[in-house]
Amino acid sequence: MLTGAVGLTFKWYINHNRRSDLDNRLKVLLDSLTGIAYEDDKQVVEINAQKIKSDFNGLEVEVYGKAI
Protein backbone atom coordinates (compact mmCIF):
# COMPACT_ATOMS: atom_id res chain seq x y z
CA MET A 1 0.00 0.00 0.00
CA LEU A 2 1.38 3.41 -0.98
CA THR A 3 1.68 6.05 1.72
CA GLY A 4 2.66 9.19 -0.22
CA ALA A 5 1.25 10.94 -3.27
CA VAL A 6 -0.36 8.58 -5.79
CA GLY A 7 -1.06 8.65 -9.51
CA LEU A 8 -3.60 6.43 -11.27
CA THR A 9 -4.19 5.33 -14.85
CA PHE A 10 -7.47 3.66 -15.84
CA LYS A 11 -8.23 2.16 -19.25
CA TRP A 12 -11.75 0.81 -19.85
CA TYR A 13 -12.08 -1.49 -22.83
CA ILE A 14 -15.74 -1.47 -23.91
CA ASN A 15 -17.40 -3.50 -26.66
CA HIS A 16 -20.89 -1.99 -26.46
CA ASN A 17 -22.56 1.33 -27.27
CA ARG A 18 -24.43 1.75 -23.97
CA ARG A 19 -23.96 5.01 -22.14
CA SER A 20 -21.32 4.86 -19.43
CA ASP A 21 -20.16 7.97 -17.59
CA LEU A 22 -16.44 7.97 -17.01
CA ASP A 23 -16.63 10.30 -14.00
CA ASN A 24 -19.08 8.02 -12.16
CA ARG A 25 -16.87 5.00 -12.79
CA LEU A 26 -13.84 6.87 -11.45
CA LYS A 27 -15.46 7.72 -8.12
CA VAL A 28 -16.38 4.07 -7.50
CA LEU A 29 -12.84 2.91 -8.32
CA LEU A 30 -11.15 5.58 -6.20
CA ASP A 31 -13.27 4.57 -3.22
CA SER A 32 -12.72 0.85 -3.79
CA LEU A 33 -8.92 1.22 -3.93
CA THR A 34 -8.85 2.98 -0.54
CA GLY A 35 -7.22 0.70 2.01
CA ILE A 36 -5.81 -1.54 -0.73
CA ALA A 37 -3.61 0.58 -3.01
CA TYR A 38 -3.40 3.66 -0.76
CA GLU A 39 -4.56 4.73 2.69
CA ASP A 40 -6.89 7.54 1.60
CA ASP A 41 -8.05 8.86 -1.77
CA LYS A 42 -6.81 12.30 -0.66
CA GLN A 43 -3.36 10.97 -1.66
CA VAL A 44 -4.37 10.90 -5.34
CA VAL A 45 -2.73 13.82 -7.15
CA GLU A 46 -2.99 12.60 -10.75
CA ILE A 47 -5.61 10.64 -12.71
CA ASN A 48 -5.47 9.54 -16.34
CA ALA A 49 -8.59 7.78 -17.65
CA GLN A 50 -9.72 6.50 -21.06
CA LYS A 51 -12.68 4.65 -22.53
CA ILE A 52 -11.45 2.55 -25.44
CA LYS A 53 -13.76 0.90 -27.96
CA SER A 54 -12.67 -2.72 -28.14
CA ASP A 55 -13.64 -6.28 -29.08
CA PHE A 56 -13.76 -7.16 -25.37
CA ASN A 57 -14.77 -5.64 -22.02
CA GLY A 58 -12.05 -5.06 -19.48
CA LEU A 59 -10.34 -2.68 -17.12
CA GLU A 60 -6.63 -1.96 -16.78
CA VAL A 61 -5.51 -0.14 -13.62
CA GLU A 62 -2.07 1.27 -12.87
CA VAL A 63 -1.27 2.73 -9.46
CA TYR A 64 2.08 4.47 -8.95
CA GLY A 65 3.87 6.67 -6.45
CA LYS A 66 4.16 10.29 -7.47
CA ALA A 67 6.78 12.85 -6.41
CA ILE A 68 5.28 16.25 -5.63
PDB file of N, CA and C in Angstrom:
ATOM      1  N   MET A   1       0.847  -1.172   0.000  1.00  0.00           N
ATOM      2  CA  MET A   1       0.000   0.000   0.000  1.00  0.00           C
ATOM      3  C   MET A   1       0.895   1.239   0.000  1.00  0.00           C
ATOM      4  N   LEU A   2       0.588   2.182  -0.883  1.00  0.00           N
ATOM      5  CA  LEU A   2       1.379   3.407  -0.983  1.00  0.00           C
ATOM      6  C   LEU A   2       0.972   4.390   0.108  1.00  0.00           C
ATOM      7  N   THR A   3       1.956   5.121   0.636  1.00  0.00           N
ATOM      8  CA  THR A   3       1.676   6.050   1.725  1.00  0.00           C
ATOM      9  C   THR A   3       1.826   7.510   1.323  1.00  0.00           C
ATOM     10  N   GLY A   4       2.490   7.804   0.229  1.00  0.00           N
ATOM     11  CA  GLY A   4       2.658   9.187  -0.220  1.00  0.00           C
ATOM     12  C   GLY A   4       1.680   9.546  -1.325  1.00  0.00           C
ATOM     13  N   ALA A   5       2.079  10.507  -2.145  1.00  0.00           N
ATOM     14  CA  ALA A   5       1.249  10.941  -3.272  1.00  0.00           C
ATOM     15  C   ALA A   5       1.128   9.803  -4.291  1.00  0.00           C
ATOM     16  N   VAL A   6      -0.040   9.696  -4.903  1.00  0.00           N
ATOM     17  CA  VAL A   6      -0.360   8.584  -5.787  1.00  0.00           C
ATOM     18  C   VAL A   6      -0.889   9.103  -7.123  1.00  0.00           C
ATOM     19  N   GLY A   7      -0.489   8.423  -8.189  1.00  0.00           N
ATOM     20  CA  GLY A   7      -1.057   8.652  -9.510  1.00  0.00           C
ATOM     21  C   GLY A   7      -1.761   7.395  -9.974  1.00  0.00           C
ATOM     22  N   LEU A   8      -2.803   7.556 -10.783  1.00  0.00           N
ATOM     23  CA  LEU A   8      -3.596   6.430 -11.274  1.00  0.00           C
ATOM     24  C   LEU A   8      -3.827   6.548 -12.772  1.00  0.00           C
ATOM     25  N   THR A   9      -3.798   5.415 -13.443  1.00  0.00           N
ATOM     26  CA  THR A   9      -4.195   5.334 -14.848  1.00  0.00           C
ATOM     27  C   THR A   9      -5.246   4.248 -14.980  1.00  0.00           C
ATOM     28  N   PHE A  10      -6.377   4.597 -15.604  1.00  0.00           N
ATOM     29  CA  PHE A  10      -7.467   3.655 -15.843  1.00  0.00           C
ATOM     30  C   PHE A  10      -7.730   3.576 -17.340  1.00  0.00           C
ATOM     31  N   LYS A  11      -7.845   2.370 -17.859  1.00  0.00           N
ATOM     32  CA  LYS A  11      -8.235   2.156 -19.251  1.00  0.00           C
ATOM     33  C   LYS A  11      -9.400   1.183 -19.274  1.00  0.00           C
ATOM     34  N   TRP A  12     -10.568   1.661 -19.714  1.00  0.00           N
ATOM     35  CA  TRP A  12     -11.752   0.811 -19.855  1.00  0.00           C
ATOM     36  C   TRP A  12     -11.860   0.379 -21.303  1.00  0.00           C
ATOM     37  N   TYR A  13     -11.880  -0.919 -21.501  1.00  0.00           N
ATOM     38  CA  TYR A  13     -12.084  -1.487 -22.832  1.00  0.00           C
ATOM     39  C   TYR A  13     -13.552  -1.894 -22.907  1.00  0.00           C
ATOM     40  N   ILE A  14     -14.290  -1.299 -23.846  1.00  0.00           N
ATOM     41  CA  ILE A  14     -15.738  -1.470 -23.907  1.00  0.00           C
ATOM     42  C   ILE A  14     -16.145  -1.932 -25.300  1.00  0.00           C
ATOM     43  N   ASN A  15     -16.960  -2.989 -25.359  1.00  0.00           N
ATOM     44  CA  ASN A  15     -17.398  -3.498 -26.662  1.00  0.00           C
ATOM     45  C   ASN A  15     -18.892  -3.304 -26.881  1.00  0.00           C
ATOM     46  N   HIS A  16     -19.470  -2.275 -26.271  1.00  0.00           N
ATOM     47  CA  HIS A  16     -20.892  -1.990 -26.462  1.00  0.00           C
ATOM     48  C   HIS A  16     -21.081  -0.486 -26.638  1.00  0.00           C
ATOM     49  N   ASN A  17     -22.259  -0.088 -27.039  1.00  0.00           N
ATOM     50  CA  ASN A  17     -22.557   1.329 -27.268  1.00  0.00           C
ATOM     51  C   ASN A  17     -23.431   1.931 -26.173  1.00  0.00           C
ATOM     52  N   ARG A  18     -23.630   1.211 -25.075  1.00  0.00           N
ATOM     53  CA  ARG A  18     -24.428   1.755 -23.975  1.00  0.00           C
ATOM     54  C   ARG A  18     -23.714   2.948 -23.347  1.00  0.00           C
ATOM     55  N   ARG A  19     -24.507   3.823 -22.798  1.00  0.00           N
ATOM     56  CA  ARG A  19     -23.963   5.006 -22.142  1.00  0.00           C
ATOM     57  C   ARG A  19     -23.246   4.591 -20.862  1.00  0.00           C
ATOM     58  N   SER A  20     -22.060   5.095 -20.669  1.00  0.00           N
ATOM     59  CA  SER A  20     -21.322   4.860 -19.426  1.00  0.00           C
ATOM     60  C   SER A  20     -20.520   6.112 -19.111  1.00  0.00           C
ATOM     61  N   ASP A  21     -20.813   6.719 -17.979  1.00  0.00           N
ATOM     62  CA  ASP A  21     -20.163   7.969 -17.587  1.00  0.00           C
ATOM     63  C   ASP A  21     -18.826   7.682 -16.923  1.00  0.00           C
ATOM     64  N   LEU A  22     -17.787   8.196 -17.508  1.00  0.00           N
ATOM     65  CA  LEU A  22     -16.436   7.967 -17.008  1.00  0.00           C
ATOM     66  C   LEU A  22     -16.269   8.526 -15.594  1.00  0.00           C
ATOM     67  N   ASP A  23     -16.809   9.697 -15.324  1.00  0.00           N
ATOM     68  CA  ASP A  23     -16.635  10.302 -13.996  1.00  0.00           C
ATOM     69  C   ASP A  23     -17.290   9.472 -12.894  1.00  0.00           C
ATOM     70  N   ASN A  24     -18.433   8.876 -13.167  1.00  0.00           N
ATOM     71  CA  ASN A  24     -19.082   8.019 -12.161  1.00  0.00           C
ATOM     72  C   ASN A  24     -18.273   6.757 -11.906  1.00  0.00           C
ATOM     73  N   ARG A  25     -17.709   6.187 -12.940  1.00  0.00           N
ATOM     74  CA  ARG A  25     -16.871   4.995 -12.786  1.00  0.00           C
ATOM     75  C   ARG A  25     -15.629   5.309 -11.960  1.00  0.00           C
ATOM     76  N   LEU A  26     -15.047   6.486 -12.175  1.00  0.00           N
ATOM     77  CA  LEU A  26     -13.835   6.868 -11.449  1.00  0.00           C
ATOM     78  C   LEU A  26     -14.085   6.956  -9.946  1.00  0.00           C
ATOM     79  N   LYS A  27     -15.177   7.566  -9.548  1.00  0.00           N
ATOM     80  CA  LYS A  27     -15.463   7.719  -8.119  1.00  0.00           C
ATOM     81  C   LYS A  27     -15.555   6.355  -7.437  1.00  0.00           C
ATOM     82  N   VAL A  28     -16.240   5.413  -8.072  1.00  0.00           N
ATOM     83  CA  VAL A  28     -16.377   4.067  -7.501  1.00  0.00           C
ATOM     84  C   VAL A  28     -15.004   3.414  -7.358  1.00  0.00           C
ATOM     85  N   LEU A  29     -14.169   3.527  -8.387  1.00  0.00           N
ATOM     86  CA  LEU A  29     -12.841   2.909  -8.323  1.00  0.00           C
ATOM     87  C   LEU A  29     -11.942   3.568  -7.283  1.00  0.00           C
ATOM     88  N   LEU A  30     -11.964   4.892  -7.208  1.00  0.00           N
ATOM     89  CA  LEU A  30     -11.149   5.577  -6.203  1.00  0.00           C
ATOM     90  C   LEU A  30     -11.530   5.119  -4.793  1.00  0.00           C
ATOM     91  N   ASP A  31     -12.817   5.031  -4.542  1.00  0.00           N
ATOM     92  CA  ASP A  31     -13.274   4.575  -3.224  1.00  0.00           C
ATOM     93  C   ASP A  31     -12.895   3.120  -2.974  1.00  0.00           C
ATOM     94  N   SER A  32     -13.002   2.274  -3.986  1.00  0.00           N
ATOM     95  CA  SER A  32     -12.717   0.846  -3.785  1.00  0.00           C
ATOM     96  C   SER A  32     -11.227   0.566  -3.603  1.00  0.00           C
ATOM     97  N   LEU A  33     -10.359   1.422  -4.099  1.00  0.00           N
ATOM     98  CA  LEU A  33      -8.917   1.224  -3.933  1.00  0.00           C
ATOM     99  C   LEU A  33      -8.406   1.710  -2.575  1.00  0.00           C
ATOM    100  N   THR A  34      -9.228   2.492  -1.867  1.00  0.00           N
ATOM    101  CA  THR A  34      -8.848   2.983  -0.538  1.00  0.00           C
ATOM    102  C   THR A  34      -8.671   1.804   0.412  1.00  0.00           C
ATOM    103  N   GLY A  35      -7.529   1.788   1.079  1.00  0.00           N
ATOM    104  CA  GLY A  35      -7.220   0.701   2.007  1.00  0.00           C
ATOM    105  C   GLY A  35      -6.555  -0.483   1.340  1.00  0.00           C
ATOM    106  N   ILE A  36      -6.470  -0.463   0.014  1.00  0.00           N
ATOM    107  CA  ILE A  36      -5.815  -1.545  -0.731  1.00  0.00           C
ATOM    108  C   ILE A  36      -4.564  -1.019  -1.437  1.00  0.00           C
ATOM    109  N   ALA A  37      -4.735   0.017  -2.267  1.00  0.00           N
ATOM    110  CA  ALA A  37      -3.615   0.578  -3.010  1.00  0.00           C
ATOM    111  C   ALA A  37      -3.009   1.788  -2.292  1.00  0.00           C
ATOM    112  N   TYR A  38      -3.832   2.486  -1.523  1.00  0.00           N
ATOM    113  CA  TYR A  38      -3.404   3.661  -0.764  1.00  0.00           C
ATOM    114  C   TYR A  38      -4.285   3.778   0.472  1.00  0.00           C
ATOM    115  N   GLU A  39      -3.824   4.588   1.427  1.00  0.00           N
ATOM    116  CA  GLU A  39      -4.556   4.727   2.690  1.00  0.00           C
ATOM    117  C   GLU A  39      -5.826   5.558   2.546  1.00  0.00           C
ATOM    118  N   ASP A  40      -5.764   6.616   1.737  1.00  0.00           N
ATOM    119  CA  ASP A  40      -6.893   7.539   1.599  1.00  0.00           C
ATOM    120  C   ASP A  40      -6.869   8.130   0.195  1.00  0.00           C
ATOM    121  N   ASP A  41      -8.041   8.332  -0.409  1.00  0.00           N
ATOM    122  CA  ASP A  41      -8.052   8.863  -1.774  1.00  0.00           C
ATOM    123  C   ASP A  41      -7.611  10.330  -1.837  1.00  0.00           C
ATOM    124  N   LYS A  42      -7.393  10.953  -0.690  1.00  0.00           N
ATOM    125  CA  LYS A  42      -6.812  12.302  -0.661  1.00  0.00           C
ATOM    126  C   LYS A  42      -5.367  12.287  -1.158  1.00  0.00           C
ATOM    127  N   GLN A  43      -4.738  11.107  -1.177  1.00  0.00           N
ATOM    128  CA  GLN A  43      -3.358  10.967  -1.656  1.00  0.00           C
ATOM    129  C   GLN A  43      -3.267  11.072  -3.180  1.00  0.00           C
ATOM    130  N   VAL A  44      -4.373  10.905  -3.872  1.00  0.00           N
ATOM    131  CA  VAL A  44      -4.371  10.896  -5.336  1.00  0.00           C
ATOM    132  C   VAL A  44      -4.160  12.316  -5.857  1.00  0.00           C
ATOM    133  N   VAL A  45      -3.059  12.506  -6.605  1.00  0.00           N
ATOM    134  CA  VAL A  45      -2.726  13.823  -7.149  1.00  0.00           C
ATOM    135  C   VAL A  45      -2.779  13.844  -8.680  1.00  0.00           C
ATOM    136  N   GLU A  46      -2.958  12.671  -9.289  1.00  0.00           N
ATOM    137  CA  GLU A  46      -2.994  12.605 -10.750  1.00  0.00           C
ATOM    138  C   GLU A  46      -3.874  11.432 -11.181  1.00  0.00           C
ATOM    139  N   ILE A  47      -4.749  11.687 -12.161  1.00  0.00           N
ATOM    140  CA  ILE A  47      -5.606  10.641 -12.713  1.00  0.00           C
ATOM    141  C   ILE A  47      -5.603  10.758 -14.233  1.00  0.00           C
ATOM    142  N   ASN A  48      -5.342   9.635 -14.888  1.00  0.00           N
ATOM    143  CA  ASN A  48      -5.472   9.535 -16.343  1.00  0.00           C
ATOM    144  C   ASN A  48      -6.508   8.453 -16.604  1.00  0.00           C
ATOM    145  N   ALA A  49      -7.531   8.753 -17.414  1.00  0.00           N
ATOM    146  CA  ALA A  49      -8.592   7.776 -17.653  1.00  0.00           C
ATOM    147  C   ALA A  49      -9.022   7.814 -19.113  1.00  0.00           C
ATOM    148  N   GLN A  50      -9.286   6.620 -19.666  1.00  0.00           N
ATOM    149  CA  GLN A  50      -9.717   6.497 -21.055  1.00  0.00           C
ATOM    150  C   GLN A  50     -10.800   5.439 -21.180  1.00  0.00           C
ATOM    151  N   LYS A  51     -11.754   5.686 -22.080  1.00  0.00           N
ATOM    152  CA  LYS A  51     -12.682   4.648 -22.525  1.00  0.00           C
ATOM    153  C   LYS A  51     -12.236   4.289 -23.939  1.00  0.00           C
ATOM    154  N   ILE A  52     -12.000   3.018 -24.162  1.00  0.00           N
ATOM    155  CA  ILE A  52     -11.450   2.553 -25.437  1.00  0.00           C
ATOM    156  C   ILE A  52     -12.413   1.555 -26.048  1.00  0.00           C
ATOM    157  N   LYS A  53     -12.894   1.838 -27.249  1.00  0.00           N
ATOM    158  CA  LYS A  53     -13.758   0.899 -27.957  1.00  0.00           C
ATOM    159  C   LYS A  53     -12.921  -0.320 -28.323  1.00  0.00           C
ATOM    160  N   SER A  54     -13.461  -1.507 -28.030  1.00  0.00           N
ATOM    161  CA  SER A  54     -12.669  -2.717 -28.144  1.00  0.00           C
ATOM    162  C   SER A  54     -13.551  -3.907 -28.522  1.00  0.00           C
ATOM    163  N   ASP A  55     -12.924  -5.030 -28.815  1.00  0.00           N
ATOM    164  CA  ASP A  55     -13.641  -6.278 -29.078  1.00  0.00           C
ATOM    165  C   ASP A  55     -13.995  -7.006 -27.786  1.00  0.00           C
ATOM    166  N   PHE A  56     -13.517  -6.516 -26.651  1.00  0.00           N
ATOM    167  CA  PHE A  56     -13.761  -7.161 -25.369  1.00  0.00           C
ATOM    168  C   PHE A  56     -14.016  -6.105 -24.304  1.00  0.00           C
ATOM    169  N   ASN A  57     -14.602  -6.503 -23.182  1.00  0.00           N
ATOM    170  CA  ASN A  57     -14.770  -5.636 -22.018  1.00  0.00           C
ATOM    171  C   ASN A  57     -13.646  -5.909 -21.044  1.00  0.00           C
ATOM    172  N   GLY A  58     -13.102  -4.869 -20.471  1.00  0.00           N
ATOM    173  CA  GLY A  58     -12.053  -5.063 -19.485  1.00  0.00           C
ATOM    174  C   GLY A  58     -11.634  -3.748 -18.866  1.00  0.00           C
ATOM    175  N   LEU A  59     -10.855  -3.849 -17.827  1.00  0.00           N
ATOM    176  CA  LEU A  59     -10.339  -2.680 -17.125  1.00  0.00           C
ATOM    177  C   LEU A  59      -8.874  -2.915 -16.800  1.00  0.00           C
ATOM    178  N   GLU A  60      -8.059  -1.933 -17.119  1.00  0.00           N
ATOM    179  CA  GLU A  60      -6.635  -1.960 -16.780  1.00  0.00           C
ATOM    180  C   GLU A  60      -6.394  -0.819 -15.797  1.00  0.00           C
ATOM    181  N   VAL A  61      -5.766  -1.131 -14.664  1.00  0.00           N
ATOM    182  CA  VAL A  61      -5.509  -0.145 -13.618  1.00  0.00           C
ATOM    183  C   VAL A  61      -4.026  -0.110 -13.318  1.00  0.00           C
ATOM    184  N   GLU A  62      -3.459   1.084 -13.283  1.00  0.00           N
ATOM    185  CA  GLU A  62      -2.069   1.267 -12.874  1.00  0.00           C
ATOM    186  C   GLU A  62      -2.058   2.252 -11.714  1.00  0.00           C
ATOM    187  N   VAL A  63      -1.408   1.873 -10.636  1.00  0.00           N
ATOM    188  CA  VAL A  63      -1.266   2.734  -9.460  1.00  0.00           C
ATOM    189  C   VAL A  63       0.227   2.942  -9.240  1.00  0.00           C
ATOM    190  N   TYR A  64       0.637   4.190  -9.083  1.00  0.00           N
ATOM    191  CA  TYR A  64       2.077   4.471  -8.945  1.00  0.00           C
ATOM    192  C   TYR A  64       2.306   5.627  -7.980  1.00  0.00           C
ATOM    193  N   GLY A  65       3.461   5.583  -7.328  1.00  0.00           N
ATOM    194  CA  GLY A  65       3.866   6.667  -6.454  1.00  0.00           C
ATOM    195  C   GLY A  65       4.210   7.881  -7.282  1.00  0.00           C
ATOM    196  N   LYS A  66       3.967   9.044  -6.736  1.00  0.00           N
ATOM    197  CA  LYS A  66       4.155  10.294  -7.468  1.00  0.00           C
ATOM    198  C   LYS A  66       4.933  11.268  -6.596  1.00  0.00           C
ATOM    199  N   ALA A  67       6.012  11.829  -7.138  1.00  0.00           N
ATOM    200  CA  ALA A  67       6.777  12.848  -6.415  1.00  0.00           C
ATOM    201  C   ALA A  67       6.090  14.199  -6.614  1.00  0.00           C
ATOM    202  N   ILE A  68       5.876  14.909  -5.513  1.00  0.00           N
ATOM    203  CA  ILE A  68       5.280  16.246  -5.633  1.00  0.00           C
ATOM    204  C   ILE A  68       6.133  17.277  -4.952  1.00  0.00           C
TER     205      ILE A  68
END
